[in-house]
Structures are given as structure tokens and as C-alpha cells.
PDB file of N, CA and C in Angstrom:
ATOM      1  N   MET A   1      32.889  43.524   3.745  1.00  0.00           N
ATOM      2  CA  MET A   1      34.312  43.480   3.521  1.00  0.00           C
ATOM      3  C   MET A   1      35.068  42.930   4.416  1.00  0.00           C
ATOM      4  N   ALA A   2      36.142  42.159   4.450  1.00  0.00           N
ATOM      5  CA  ALA A   2      36.676  41.024   5.337  1.00  0.00           C
ATOM      6  C   ALA A   2      37.692  42.241   5.951  1.00  0.00           C
ATOM      7  N   LYS A   3      37.847  41.690   7.212  1.00  0.00           N
ATOM      8  CA  LYS A   3      38.661  42.677   8.032  1.00  0.00           C
ATOM      9  C   LYS A   3      40.255  42.660   7.667  1.00  0.00           C
ATOM     10  N   GLY A   4      40.189  44.208   7.648  1.00  0.00           N
ATOM     11  CA  GLY A   4      42.109  44.379   7.074  1.00  0.00           C
ATOM     12  C   GLY A   4      41.460  45.007   5.374  1.00  0.00           C
ATOM     13  N   ALA A   5      40.606  44.540   4.908  1.00  0.00           N
ATOM     14  CA  ALA A   5      40.659  44.685   3.270  1.00  0.00           C
ATOM     15  C   ALA A   5      40.756  46.284   3.071  1.00  0.00           C
ATOM     16  N   ASP A   6      40.448  46.750   3.743  1.00  0.00           N
ATOM     17  CA  ASP A   6      40.735  48.307   3.496  1.00  0.00           C
ATOM     18  C   ASP A   6      41.870  48.966   4.099  1.00  0.00           C
ATOM     19  N   GLU A   7      42.728  48.318   4.835  1.00  0.00           N
ATOM     20  CA  GLU A   7      43.684  48.743   5.575  1.00  0.00           C
ATOM     21  C   GLU A   7      45.096  49.024   4.176  1.00  0.00           C
ATOM     22  N   LYS A   8      46.024  49.596   4.542  1.00  0.00           N
ATOM     23  CA  LYS A   8      47.191  49.923   3.597  1.00  0.00           C
ATOM     24  C   LYS A   8      48.230  49.291   3.786  1.00  0.00           C
ATOM     25  N   PRO A   9      48.750  48.084   3.096  1.00  0.00           N
ATOM     26  CA  PRO A   9      49.739  47.352   3.211  1.00  0.00           C
ATOM     27  C   PRO A   9      50.954  48.293   3.717  1.00  0.00           C
ATOM     28  N   GLN A  10      51.525  47.272   4.730  1.00  0.00           N
ATOM     29  CA  GLN A  10      52.693  47.799   5.266  1.00  0.00           C
ATOM     30  C   GLN A  10      54.306  47.151   4.801  1.00  0.00           C
ATOM     31  N   PRO A  11      55.130  47.812   4.502  1.00  0.00           N
ATOM     32  CA  PRO A  11      56.318  47.251   3.756  1.00  0.00           C
ATOM     33  C   PRO A  11      57.141  46.276   5.314  1.00  0.00           C
ATOM     34  N   THR A  12      57.634  45.038   4.327  1.00  0.00           N
ATOM     35  CA  THR A  12      58.617  44.782   5.347  1.00  0.00           C
ATOM     36  C   THR A  12      59.472  45.394   6.175  1.00  0.00           C
ATOM     37  N   PRO A  13      59.938  45.040   7.110  1.00  0.00           N
ATOM     38  CA  PRO A  13      60.985  45.762   8.420  1.00  0.00           C
ATOM     39  C   PRO A  13      62.222  45.696   7.738  1.00  0.00           C
ATOM     40  N   ASP A  14      62.622  44.661   7.034  1.00  0.00           N
ATOM     41  CA  ASP A  14      63.743  44.111   6.325  1.00  0.00           C
ATOM     42  C   ASP A  14      64.042  44.077   4.850  1.00  0.00           C
ATOM     43  N   TYR A  15      65.083  43.964   4.599  1.00  0.00           N
ATOM     44  CA  TYR A  15      64.906  43.620   2.930  1.00  0.00           C
ATOM     45  C   TYR A  15      65.102  41.553   2.984  1.00  0.00           C
ATOM     46  N   ILE A  16      64.153  41.372   1.647  1.00  0.00           N
ATOM     47  CA  ILE A  16      63.973  40.127   1.225  1.00  0.00           C
ATOM     48  C   ILE A  16      65.188  39.741   0.265  1.00  0.00           C
ATOM     49  N   TYR A  17      65.789  38.740   0.563  1.00  0.00           N
ATOM     50  CA  TYR A  17      66.743  38.214  -0.200  1.00  0.00           C
ATOM     51  C   TYR A  17      66.418  37.401  -1.348  1.00  0.00           C
ATOM     52  N   PHE A  18      67.118  37.476  -2.888  1.00  0.00           N
ATOM     53  CA  PHE A  18      67.058  36.317  -3.572  1.00  0.00           C
ATOM     54  C   PHE A  18      68.261  36.214  -4.385  1.00  0.00           C
ATOM     55  N   ALA A  19      68.438  34.686  -4.042  1.00  0.00           N
ATOM     56  CA  ALA A  19      69.723  34.027  -5.202  1.00  0.00           C
ATOM     57  C   ALA A  19      69.085  33.930  -5.891  1.00  0.00           C
ATOM     58  N   VAL A  20      70.060  34.509  -7.265  1.00  0.00           N
ATOM     59  CA  VAL A  20      69.526  34.109  -8.744  1.00  0.00           C
ATOM     60  C   VAL A  20      70.746  33.783  -9.700  1.00  0.00           C
ATOM     61  N   GLY A  21      70.510  32.823 -10.881  1.00  0.00           N
ATOM     62  CA  GLY A  21      71.587  32.505 -11.470  1.00  0.00           C
ATOM     63  C   GLY A  21      71.576  33.222 -12.601  1.00  0.00           C
ATOM     64  N   ASN A  22      71.170  33.974 -12.831  1.00  0.00           N
ATOM     65  CA  ASN A  22      70.833  35.573 -13.891  1.00  0.00           C
ATOM     66  C   ASN A  22      70.566  36.594 -13.432  1.00  0.00           C
ATOM     67  N   LEU A  23      71.840  36.768 -12.266  1.00  0.00           N
ATOM     68  CA  LEU A  23      71.284  38.049 -12.110  1.00  0.00           C
ATOM     69  C   LEU A  23      71.236  39.264 -13.211  1.00  0.00           C
ATOM     70  N   GLU A  24      72.065  39.592 -14.216  1.00  0.00           N
ATOM     71  CA  GLU A  24      71.915  40.821 -14.791  1.00  0.00           C
ATOM     72  C   GLU A  24      70.110  40.752 -15.818  1.00  0.00           C
ATOM     73  N   GLU A  25      69.750  39.600 -15.752  1.00  0.00           N
ATOM     74  CA  GLU A  25      68.721  39.463 -16.753  1.00  0.00           C
ATOM     75  C   GLU A  25      67.422  40.035 -15.622  1.00  0.00           C
ATOM     76  N   PHE A  26      68.015  39.880 -14.200  1.00  0.00           N
ATOM     77  CA  PHE A  26      66.690  40.449 -13.142  1.00  0.00           C
ATOM     78  C   PHE A  26      67.147  41.761 -12.834  1.00  0.00           C
ATOM     79  N   PHE A  27      68.494  42.449 -13.078  1.00  0.00           N
ATOM     80  CA  PHE A  27      68.757  43.493 -12.982  1.00  0.00           C
ATOM     81  C   PHE A  27      68.168  44.688 -14.552  1.00  0.00           C
ATOM     82  N   GLU A  28      68.062  43.679 -15.500  1.00  0.00           N
ATOM     83  CA  GLU A  28      67.703  44.555 -16.819  1.00  0.00           C
ATOM     84  C   GLU A  28      65.920  44.880 -16.450  1.00  0.00           C
ATOM     85  N   ARG A  29      65.513  44.001 -15.761  1.00  0.00           N
ATOM     86  CA  ARG A  29      64.067  43.533 -15.642  1.00  0.00           C
ATOM     87  C   ARG A  29      63.562  45.046 -14.769  1.00  0.00           C
ATOM     88  N   ALA A  30      64.391  44.490 -13.653  1.00  0.00           N
ATOM     89  CA  ALA A  30      64.308  46.026 -12.579  1.00  0.00           C
ATOM     90  C   ALA A  30      64.588  47.075 -13.336  1.00  0.00           C
ATOM     91  N   LYS A  31      65.625  47.340 -13.611  1.00  0.00           N
ATOM     92  CA  LYS A  31      65.689  48.669 -14.527  1.00  0.00           C
ATOM     93  C   LYS A  31      64.404  49.101 -15.869  1.00  0.00           C
ATOM     94  N   ALA A  32      64.244  48.498 -16.261  1.00  0.00           N
ATOM     95  CA  ALA A  32      63.211  48.496 -17.412  1.00  0.00           C
ATOM     96  C   ALA A  32      61.766  48.813 -16.067  1.00  0.00           C
ATOM     97  N   LEU A  33      61.480  48.185 -15.411  1.00  0.00           N
ATOM     98  CA  LEU A  33      60.281  48.587 -14.110  1.00  0.00           C
ATOM     99  C   LEU A  33      60.604  49.879 -13.414  1.00  0.00           C
ATOM    100  N   ASN A  34      61.437  50.307 -13.348  1.00  0.00           N
ATOM    101  CA  ASN A  34      62.291  51.421 -12.982  1.00  0.00           C
ATOM    102  C   ASN A  34      61.842  51.450 -11.378  1.00  0.00           C
ATOM    103  N   CYS A  35      62.379  50.311 -10.900  1.00  0.00           N
ATOM    104  CA  CYS A  35      62.530  50.079  -9.445  1.00  0.00           C
ATOM    105  C   CYS A  35      64.015  49.766  -8.646  1.00  0.00           C
ATOM    106  N   LEU A  36      65.028  50.077  -9.455  1.00  0.00           N
ATOM    107  CA  LEU A  36      66.439  50.078  -8.891  1.00  0.00           C
ATOM    108  C   LEU A  36      66.325  51.047  -7.752  1.00  0.00           C
ATOM    109  N   ALA A  37      66.760  50.737  -6.956  1.00  0.00           N
ATOM    110  CA  ALA A  37      67.109  51.793  -5.194  1.00  0.00           C
ATOM    111  C   ALA A  37      68.197  52.901  -5.856  1.00  0.00           C
ATOM    112  N   ASN A  38      67.513  53.762  -5.409  1.00  0.00           N
ATOM    113  CA  ASN A  38      68.451  54.949  -5.409  1.00  0.00           C
ATOM    114  C   ASN A  38      69.364  55.100  -4.363  1.00  0.00           C
ATOM    115  N   ASP A  39      69.487  54.483  -3.204  1.00  0.00           N
ATOM    116  CA  ASP A  39      70.112  54.509  -2.222  1.00  0.00           C
ATOM    117  C   ASP A  39      71.669  54.509  -2.509  1.00  0.00           C
ATOM    118  N   ARG A  40      72.311  54.297  -1.221  1.00  0.00           N
ATOM    119  CA  ARG A  40      73.812  53.985  -1.025  1.00  0.00           C
ATOM    120  C   ARG A  40      73.733  53.202   0.170  1.00  0.00           C
ATOM    121  N   TYR A  41      74.392  51.716  -0.150  1.00  0.00           N
ATOM    122  CA  TYR A  41      74.681  50.867   1.050  1.00  0.00           C
ATOM    123  C   TYR A  41      76.449  50.535   0.948  1.00  0.00           C
ATOM    124  N   HIS A  42      76.555  51.036   2.178  1.00  0.00           N
ATOM    125  CA  HIS A  42      78.286  50.670   2.651  1.00  0.00           C
ATOM    126  C   HIS A  42      78.809  51.371   1.682  1.00  0.00           C
ATOM    127  N   ASP A  43      78.531  52.383   1.739  1.00  0.00           N
ATOM    128  CA  ASP A  43      79.248  53.527   0.344  1.00  0.00           C
ATOM    129  C   ASP A  43      79.153  52.748  -0.844  1.00  0.00           C
ATOM    130  N   GLN A  44      77.892  51.832  -1.450  1.00  0.00           N
ATOM    131  CA  GLN A  44      78.339  51.966  -2.922  1.00  0.00           C
ATOM    132  C   GLN A  44      76.898  52.246  -3.210  1.00  0.00           C
ATOM    133  N   GLU A  45      76.447  52.299  -4.532  1.00  0.00           N
ATOM    134  CA  GLU A  45      75.142  52.452  -5.437  1.00  0.00           C
ATOM    135  C   GLU A  45      74.530  51.345  -4.950  1.00  0.00           C
ATOM    136  N   ALA A  46      73.412  51.457  -4.266  1.00  0.00           N
ATOM    137  CA  ALA A  46      72.277  50.168  -4.211  1.00  0.00           C
ATOM    138  C   ALA A  46      71.677  49.458  -5.455  1.00  0.00           C
ATOM    139  N   GLY A  47      71.322  50.552  -6.345  1.00  0.00           N
ATOM    140  CA  GLY A  47      70.731  50.386  -7.520  1.00  0.00           C
ATOM    141  C   GLY A  47      71.571  49.861  -8.832  1.00  0.00           C
ATOM    142  N   GLN A  48      72.849  49.467  -8.321  1.00  0.00           N
ATOM    143  CA  GLN A  48      73.527  49.099  -9.351  1.00  0.00           C
ATOM    144  C   GLN A  48      74.270  47.663  -9.122  1.00  0.00           C
ATOM    145  N   ILE A  49      74.963  46.610  -9.980  1.00  0.00           N
ATOM    146  CA  ILE A  49      75.470  45.361  -9.643  1.00  0.00           C
ATOM    147  C   ILE A  49      76.460  46.047  -9.323  1.00  0.00           C
ATOM    148  N   VAL A  50      76.924  45.630  -7.974  1.00  0.00           N
ATOM    149  CA  VAL A  50      78.250  45.810  -7.148  1.00  0.00           C
ATOM    150  C   VAL A  50      78.709  44.813  -6.512  1.00  0.00           C
ATOM    151  N   LYS A  51      80.073  44.307  -6.389  1.00  0.00           N
ATOM    152  CA  LYS A  51      80.482  43.308  -5.601  1.00  0.00           C
ATOM    153  C   LYS A  51      80.405  43.912  -3.984  1.00  0.00           C
ATOM    154  N   ARG A  52      79.833  43.181  -3.380  1.00  0.00           N
ATOM    155  CA  ARG A  52      79.830  44.441  -1.441  1.00  0.00           C
ATOM    156  C   ARG A  52      80.680  43.407  -0.869  1.00  0.00           C
ATOM    157  N   PRO A  53      80.791  44.590   0.289  1.00  0.00           N
ATOM    158  CA  PRO A  53      82.095  44.503   0.811  1.00  0.00           C
ATOM    159  C   PRO A  53      82.420  42.654   1.266  1.00  0.00           C
ATOM    160  N   TRP A  54      81.476  41.947   1.849  1.00  0.00           N
ATOM    161  CA  TRP A  54      81.787  40.952   2.015  1.00  0.00           C
ATOM    162  C   TRP A  54      81.718  39.625   0.926  1.00  0.00           C
ATOM    163  N   GLY A  55      81.649  39.883  -0.580  1.00  0.00           N
ATOM    164  CA  GLY A  55      81.742  39.604  -1.347  1.00  0.00           C
ATOM    165  C   GLY A  55      80.702  38.809  -2.358  1.00  0.00           C
ATOM    166  N   GLU A  56      79.452  39.280  -1.969  1.00  0.00           N
ATOM    167  CA  GLU A  56      78.234  38.889  -3.066  1.00  0.00           C
ATOM    168  C   GLU A  56      78.236  39.868  -4.120  1.00  0.00           C
ATOM    169  N   LEU A  57      77.990  39.314  -5.285  1.00  0.00           N
ATOM    170  CA  LEU A  57      77.792  40.304  -6.303  1.00  0.00           C
ATOM    171  C   LEU A  57      76.133  40.590  -6.174  1.00  0.00           C
ATOM    172  N   SER A  58      75.702  41.891  -6.212  1.00  0.00           N
ATOM    173  CA  SER A  58      74.035  42.188  -6.034  1.00  0.00           C
ATOM    174  C   SER A  58      73.632  43.549  -6.367  1.00  0.00           C
ATOM    175  N   PHE A  59      72.141  43.924  -6.492  1.00  0.00           N
ATOM    176  CA  PHE A  59      71.876  45.163  -6.452  1.00  0.00           C
ATOM    177  C   PHE A  59      70.274  45.007  -5.642  1.00  0.00           C
ATOM    178  N   TYR A  60      70.160  46.291  -5.084  1.00  0.00           N
ATOM    179  CA  TYR A  60      68.896  46.362  -4.351  1.00  0.00           C
ATOM    180  C   TYR A  60      67.617  47.232  -5.379  1.00  0.00           C
ATOM    181  N   VAL A  61      66.612  46.525  -5.122  1.00  0.00           N
ATOM    182  CA  VAL A  61      65.465  47.481  -5.167  1.00  0.00           C
ATOM    183  C   VAL A  61      64.143  47.834  -4.418  1.00  0.00           C
ATOM    184  N   GLU A  62      62.830  48.376  -5.181  1.00  0.00           N
ATOM    185  CA  GLU A  62      62.034  48.750  -3.830  1.00  0.00           C
ATOM    186  C   GLU A  62      60.574  48.536  -4.623  1.00  0.00           C
ATOM    187  N   ASP A  63      60.347  47.646  -4.428  1.00  0.00           N
ATOM    188  CA  ASP A  63      58.718  46.948  -4.873  1.00  0.00           C
ATOM    189  C   ASP A  63      57.817  48.220  -4.773  1.00  0.00           C
ATOM    190  N   PRO A  64      56.475  48.342  -5.363  1.00  0.00           N
ATOM    191  CA  PRO A  64      55.511  49.224  -5.617  1.00  0.00           C
ATOM    192  C   PRO A  64      55.317  49.228  -3.886  1.00  0.00           C
ATOM    193  N   TRP A  65      55.202  48.248  -3.037  1.00  0.00           N
ATOM    194  CA  TRP A  65      54.922  48.484  -2.398  1.00  0.00           C
ATOM    195  C   TRP A  65      55.566  48.996  -0.561  1.00  0.00           C
ATOM    196  N   GLY A  66      56.647  49.122  -1.368  1.00  0.00           N
ATOM    197  CA  GLY A  66      58.030  49.857  -0.370  1.00  0.00           C
ATOM    198  C   GLY A  66      58.719  48.862   0.426  1.00  0.00           C
ATOM    199  N   ASN A  67      58.404  47.579  -0.404  1.00  0.00           N
ATOM    200  CA  ASN A  67      59.198  46.180   0.345  1.00  0.00           C
ATOM    201  C   ASN A  67      60.889  46.416  -0.312  1.00  0.00           C
ATOM    202  N   GLY A  68      62.102  46.630   0.401  1.00  0.00           N
ATOM    203  CA  GLY A  68      63.184  46.601  -0.479  1.00  0.00           C
ATOM    204  C   GLY A  68      63.372  45.098  -0.535  1.00  0.00           C
ATOM    205  N   LEU A  69      64.024  44.754  -1.744  1.00  0.00           N
ATOM    206  CA  LEU A  69      64.214  43.598  -2.325  1.00  0.00           C
ATOM    207  C   LEU A  69      65.854  43.342  -2.582  1.00  0.00           C
ATOM    208  N   CYS A  70      66.625  42.397  -2.435  1.00  0.00           N
ATOM    209  CA  CYS A  70      68.240  42.303  -2.550  1.00  0.00           C
ATOM    210  C   CYS A  70      68.200  40.754  -3.833  1.00  0.00           C
ATOM    211  N   PHE A  71      68.848  41.702  -4.836  1.00  0.00           N
ATOM    212  CA  PHE A  71      68.843  40.175  -6.047  1.00  0.00           C
ATOM    213  C   PHE A  71      70.192  39.726  -6.120  1.00  0.00           C
ATOM    214  N   VAL A  72      70.793  38.441  -5.171  1.00  0.00           N
ATOM    215  CA  VAL A  72      72.480  38.401  -5.191  1.00  0.00           C
ATOM    216  C   VAL A  72      72.749  37.126  -6.413  1.00  0.00           C
ATOM    217  N   ASP A  73      74.173  37.201  -6.958  1.00  0.00           N
ATOM    218  CA  ASP A  73      74.246  36.263  -7.782  1.00  0.00           C
ATOM    219  C   ASP A  73      74.389  34.896  -6.575  1.00  0.00           C
ATOM    220  N   GLU A  74      73.576  33.890  -7.182  1.00  0.00           N
ATOM    221  CA  GLU A  74      73.898  32.733  -6.540  1.00  0.00           C
ATOM    222  C   GLU A  74      75.141  32.039  -6.578  1.00  0.00           C
ATOM    223  N   LYS A  75      76.200  32.315  -7.196  1.00  0.00           N
ATOM    224  CA  LYS A  75      77.717  31.848  -6.853  1.00  0.00           C
ATOM    225  C   LYS A  75      78.286  32.892  -5.792  1.00  0.00           C
ATOM    226  N   THR A  76      77.898  33.732  -6.042  1.00  0.00           N
ATOM    227  CA  THR A  76      78.587  34.853  -4.494  1.00  0.00           C
ATOM    228  C   THR A  76      77.772  35.036  -3.207  1.00  0.00           C
ATOM    229  N   LEU A  77      77.059  34.078  -3.175  1.00  0.00           N
ATOM    230  CA  LEU A  77      75.747  34.125  -1.590  1.00  0.00           C
ATOM    231  C   LEU A  77      76.776  34.146  -0.596  1.00  0.00           C
ATOM    232  N   TYR A  78      76.671  34.686   0.310  1.00  0.00           N
ATOM    233  CA  TYR A  78      77.412  35.295   1.146  1.00  0.00           C
ATOM    234  C   TYR A  78      76.528  34.499   2.610  1.00  0.00           C
ATOM    235  N   THR A  79      76.920  33.387   3.265  1.00  0.00           N
ATOM    236  CA  THR A  79      76.246  32.702   4.034  1.00  0.00           C
ATOM    237  C   THR A  79      76.978  32.454   5.765  1.00  0.00           C
ATOM    238  N   GLY A  80      77.898  33.005   5.158  1.00  0.00           N
ATOM    239  CA  GLY A  80      78.487  33.084   6.857  1.00  0.00           C
ATOM    240  C   GLY A  80      79.342  32.367   7.612  1.00  0.00           C
ATOM    241  N   LYS A  81      79.304  31.732   6.533  1.00  0.00           N
ATOM    242  CA  LYS A  81      80.930  30.485   6.371  1.00  0.00           C
ATOM    243  C   LYS A  81      81.669  31.157   5.900  1.00  0.00           C
TER     244      LYS A  81
END
């Protein structure tokens, strides 16, 4: 057996962000897969499409391995500028 083959995967320590042109389609797919985040971020529902305080339109999910993912409408992507 290869080294690490029997080890349990560890989730990433931070969110992975995806800028997408069809946010609603990704949201509907995540909803169908029952992976929308149940938490609240910045006093907002994480698992709903919401305009975040910095202007991004986004929602959060958790993949089967516990990784946090965020899908952002590419037209509202915050770049720090």
C-alpha cells in the first residue's frame, strides 16, 4: 500500500474561492447536493446567495471532506482594489 493511502484526508485550513459567471446555477446544484453551509458569516446566512459587506455576491458550501468552498459572482469579485 502506498504511503498515506490509509490516512484520512484533512480539510484545507481556509476557504477555496471560485469566481463563476452563473452563480445561480452553482447554487441550485449545491442545494440539490445538500452541501450548503449552515453557518453565519458576517451576521449573514452563509448558505444563501447574499451580497457580502465588501460587495461580493456569494454563497458558501462544505464539500464531503469538510473543505469550505465559496462561490462568488465574477461580476462582483472583490480584488482588494
